[in-house]
Amino acid sequence: MTHEEQAKQMAAAALKALEDKKALDVRILDISHVTVLADYFLIASGSNRNQVQAMVDQVEEELRKTGYTPRQIEGYQTANWVLLDYGDIIIHVFDEENRLFYDLERIWRDGTAMDPEAFRP
């Protein structure tokens, strides 16, 4: 499996996990041509702390099933903005207020917005 296929597979698993927990406004940005940090950012919102944590738990579980473990997880306790770093993909799960405040889509506008359908089986 190529690096690109692996990153896409990870993003697809994370997307499924987020959607299973009713994530709001999931966006996928291809940032591979902008930075060496990662290939994809997944950005999603939850309506409250419990939902944000449930989304993060589901992402971890889904990616663990496919053999991936996070390099780092930040912000889980407060659940305002949880960052899951999987190397090739970075998942940002926000509460709605902090997502509007940090506006990663604007900051990373040089990335390419991807159609989530391209990541579904």
C-alpha atoms as a PDB file:
ATOM      1  CA  MET A   1       0.000   0.000   0.000  1.00  0.00           C
ATOM      2  CA  THR A   2       1.396   3.402  -0.942  1.00  0.00           C
ATOM      3  CA  HIS A   3       1.756   6.245   1.505  1.00  0.00           C
ATOM      4  CA  GLU A   4      -1.137   8.083  -0.191  1.00  0.00           C
ATOM      5  CA  GLU A   5      -3.400   5.016  -0.010  1.00  0.00           C
ATOM      6  CA  GLN A   6      -2.560   4.520   3.662  1.00  0.00           C
ATOM      7  CA  ALA A   7      -3.344   8.174   4.494  1.00  0.00           C
ATOM      8  CA  LYS A   8      -6.635   7.953   2.602  1.00  0.00           C
ATOM      9  CA  GLN A   9      -7.527   4.686   4.407  1.00  0.00           C
ATOM     10  CA  MET A  10      -6.841   6.318   7.776  1.00  0.00           C
ATOM     11  CA  ALA A  11      -8.913   9.371   6.838  1.00  0.00           C
ATOM     12  CA  ALA A  12     -11.780   7.130   5.708  1.00  0.00           C
ATOM     13  CA  ALA A  13     -11.760   5.226   9.015  1.00  0.00           C
ATOM     14  CA  ALA A  14     -11.688   8.487  10.988  1.00  0.00           C
ATOM     15  CA  LEU A  15     -14.525   9.943   8.892  1.00  0.00           C
ATOM     16  CA  LYS A  16     -16.664   6.859   9.535  1.00  0.00           C
ATOM     17  CA  ALA A  17     -15.983   7.072  13.281  1.00  0.00           C
ATOM     18  CA  LEU A  18     -16.872  10.767  13.407  1.00  0.00           C
ATOM     19  CA  GLU A  19     -20.073  10.228  11.458  1.00  0.00           C
ATOM     20  CA  ASP A  20     -21.020   7.260  13.676  1.00  0.00           C
ATOM     21  CA  LYS A  21     -21.065   9.704  16.606  1.00  0.00           C
ATOM     22  CA  LYS A  22     -23.071  12.336  14.688  1.00  0.00           C
ATOM     23  CA  ALA A  23     -20.209  14.790  14.152  1.00  0.00           C
ATOM     24  CA  LEU A  24     -21.287  18.170  12.855  1.00  0.00           C
ATOM     25  CA  ASP A  25     -19.868  19.764   9.690  1.00  0.00           C
ATOM     26  CA  VAL A  26     -17.025  17.317   9.008  1.00  0.00           C
ATOM     27  CA  ARG A  27     -14.427  18.762   6.646  1.00  0.00           C
ATOM     28  CA  ILE A  28     -11.439  17.060   5.088  1.00  0.00           C
ATOM     29  CA  LEU A  29      -8.537  19.182   3.878  1.00  0.00           C
ATOM     30  CA  ASP A  30      -5.716  17.796   1.755  1.00  0.00           C
ATOM     31  CA  ILE A  31      -2.714  19.691   3.101  1.00  0.00           C
ATOM     32  CA  SER A  32      -0.022  17.475   1.554  1.00  0.00           C
ATOM     33  CA  HIS A  33       1.032  20.196  -0.891  1.00  0.00           C
ATOM     34  CA  VAL A  34       1.101  22.893   1.826  1.00  0.00           C
ATOM     35  CA  THR A  35       3.057  21.287   4.679  1.00  0.00           C
ATOM     36  CA  VAL A  36       4.981  18.191   5.701  1.00  0.00           C
ATOM     37  CA  LEU A  37       2.959  17.972   8.946  1.00  0.00           C
ATOM     38  CA  ALA A  38       0.396  15.583   7.485  1.00  0.00           C
ATOM     39  CA  ASP A  39      -1.525  14.677   4.337  1.00  0.00           C
ATOM     40  CA  TYR A  40      -5.009  15.370   5.676  1.00  0.00           C
ATOM     41  CA  PHE A  41      -6.718  17.425   8.333  1.00  0.00           C
ATOM     42  CA  LEU A  42     -10.148  16.243   9.426  1.00  0.00           C
ATOM     43  CA  ILE A  43     -12.108  18.934  11.215  1.00  0.00           C
ATOM     44  CA  ALA A  44     -15.375  18.232  13.015  1.00  0.00           C
ATOM     45  CA  SER A  45     -17.590  19.707  15.708  1.00  0.00           C
ATOM     46  CA  GLY A  46     -19.587  18.293  18.561  1.00  0.00           C
ATOM     47  CA  SER A  47     -22.418  20.042  20.345  1.00  0.00           C
ATOM     48  CA  ASN A  48     -21.113  19.404  23.880  1.00  0.00           C
ATOM     49  CA  ARG A  49     -18.177  18.015  25.862  1.00  0.00           C
ATOM     50  CA  ASN A  50     -19.612  14.495  26.082  1.00  0.00           C
ATOM     51  CA  GLN A  51     -20.180  14.283  22.334  1.00  0.00           C
ATOM     52  CA  VAL A  52     -16.688  15.615  21.567  1.00  0.00           C
ATOM     53  CA  GLN A  53     -15.149  12.984  23.859  1.00  0.00           C
ATOM     54  CA  ALA A  54     -17.350  10.242  22.403  1.00  0.00           C
ATOM     55  CA  MET A  55     -16.230  11.216  18.894  1.00  0.00           C
ATOM     56  CA  VAL A  56     -12.577  11.095  19.938  1.00  0.00           C
ATOM     57  CA  ASP A  57     -13.055   7.704  21.631  1.00  0.00           C
ATOM     58  CA  GLN A  58     -14.748   6.352  18.495  1.00  0.00           C
ATOM     59  CA  VAL A  59     -11.948   7.621  16.224  1.00  0.00           C
ATOM     60  CA  GLU A  60      -9.336   5.973  18.449  1.00  0.00           C
ATOM     61  CA  GLU A  61     -11.244   2.690  18.481  1.00  0.00           C
ATOM     62  CA  GLU A  62     -11.879   2.652  14.726  1.00  0.00           C
ATOM     63  CA  LEU A  63      -8.265   3.453  13.861  1.00  0.00           C
ATOM     64  CA  ARG A  64      -6.951   0.948  16.401  1.00  0.00           C
ATOM     65  CA  LYS A  65      -8.966  -1.772  14.605  1.00  0.00           C
ATOM     66  CA  THR A  66      -7.076  -0.945  11.414  1.00  0.00           C
ATOM     67  CA  GLY A  67      -3.723  -0.989  13.211  1.00  0.00           C
ATOM     68  CA  TYR A  68      -3.100   2.721  13.811  1.00  0.00           C
ATOM     69  CA  THR A  69      -2.221   4.332  17.117  1.00  0.00           C
ATOM     70  CA  PRO A  70      -2.030   8.069  17.744  1.00  0.00           C
ATOM     71  CA  ARG A  71       1.320   9.758  18.163  1.00  0.00           C
ATOM     72  CA  GLN A  72      -0.307  12.278  20.452  1.00  0.00           C
ATOM     73  CA  ILE A  73      -3.700  13.374  21.762  1.00  0.00           C
ATOM     74  CA  GLU A  74      -4.145  16.850  23.209  1.00  0.00           C
ATOM     75  CA  GLY A  75      -7.128  18.493  24.872  1.00  0.00           C
ATOM     76  CA  TYR A  76      -9.262  15.451  25.740  1.00  0.00           C
ATOM     77  CA  GLN A  77     -10.068  16.517  29.313  1.00  0.00           C
ATOM     78  CA  THR A  78     -11.426  19.967  28.471  1.00  0.00           C
ATOM     79  CA  ALA A  79     -12.849  18.793  25.113  1.00  0.00           C
ATOM     80  CA  ASN A  80     -12.911  22.334  23.691  1.00  0.00           C
ATOM     81  CA  TRP A  81     -10.463  21.350  20.963  1.00  0.00           C
ATOM     82  CA  VAL A  82      -9.094  17.820  20.839  1.00  0.00           C
ATOM     83  CA  LEU A  83      -6.213  17.140  18.475  1.00  0.00           C
ATOM     84  CA  LEU A  84      -5.412  13.571  17.470  1.00  0.00           C
ATOM     85  CA  ASP A  85      -2.096  13.258  15.635  1.00  0.00           C
ATOM     86  CA  TYR A  86      -1.792  10.096  13.570  1.00  0.00           C
ATOM     87  CA  GLY A  87       1.149  11.301  11.501  1.00  0.00           C
ATOM     88  CA  ASP A  88      -0.401  11.135   8.033  1.00  0.00           C
ATOM     89  CA  ILE A  89      -3.681  12.573   9.289  1.00  0.00           C
ATOM     90  CA  ILE A  90      -4.483  15.027  12.050  1.00  0.00           C
ATOM     91  CA  ILE A  91      -7.999  15.103  13.429  1.00  0.00           C
ATOM     92  CA  HIS A  92      -9.362  18.240  15.089  1.00  0.00           C
ATOM     93  CA  VAL A  93     -12.565  17.815  17.103  1.00  0.00           C
ATOM     94  CA  PHE A  94     -14.003  21.065  18.429  1.00  0.00           C
ATOM     95  CA  ASP A  95     -16.950  22.233  20.401  1.00  0.00           C
ATOM     96  CA  GLU A  96     -18.930  24.626  18.206  1.00  0.00           C
ATOM     97  CA  GLU A  97     -17.745  27.829  19.903  1.00  0.00           C
ATOM     98  CA  ASN A  98     -14.038  27.027  19.636  1.00  0.00           C
ATOM     99  CA  ARG A  99     -14.353  25.855  16.049  1.00  0.00           C
ATOM    100  CA  LEU A 100     -15.717  29.250  15.084  1.00  0.00           C
ATOM    101  CA  PHE A 101     -13.038  31.018  17.124  1.00  0.00           C
ATOM    102  CA  TYR A 102     -10.022  29.127  15.735  1.00  0.00           C
ATOM    103  CA  ASP A 103     -11.419  28.804  12.178  1.00  0.00           C
ATOM    104  CA  LEU A 104      -8.851  26.280  10.924  1.00  0.00           C
ATOM    105  CA  GLU A 105     -10.542  26.163   7.534  1.00  0.00           C
ATOM    106  CA  ARG A 106      -9.572  29.810   7.018  1.00  0.00           C
ATOM    107  CA  ILE A 107      -6.058  29.412   8.424  1.00  0.00           C
ATOM    108  CA  TRP A 108      -5.443  26.366   6.195  1.00  0.00           C
ATOM    109  CA  ARG A 109      -7.304  27.725   3.154  1.00  0.00           C
ATOM    110  CA  ASP A 110      -4.306  26.828   0.970  1.00  0.00           C
ATOM    111  CA  GLY A 111      -5.259  23.207   1.575  1.00  0.00           C
ATOM    112  CA  THR A 112      -7.668  21.533  -0.828  1.00  0.00           C
ATOM    113  CA  ALA A 113     -11.167  20.864   0.487  1.00  0.00           C
ATOM    114  CA  MET A 114     -12.027  17.236  -0.276  1.00  0.00           C
ATOM    115  CA  ASP A 115     -15.452  15.734  -0.883  1.00  0.00           C
ATOM    116  CA  PRO A 116     -16.130  13.295   1.989  1.00  0.00           C
ATOM    117  CA  GLU A 117     -17.810  10.983  -0.547  1.00  0.00           C
ATOM    118  CA  ALA A 118     -14.344  10.215  -1.911  1.00  0.00           C
ATOM    119  CA  PHE A 119     -13.518   8.624   1.462  1.00  0.00           C
ATOM    120  CA  ARG A 120     -16.607   6.436   1.775  1.00  0.00           C
ATOM    121  CA  PRO A 121     -16.640   2.837   0.520  1.00  0.00           C
END
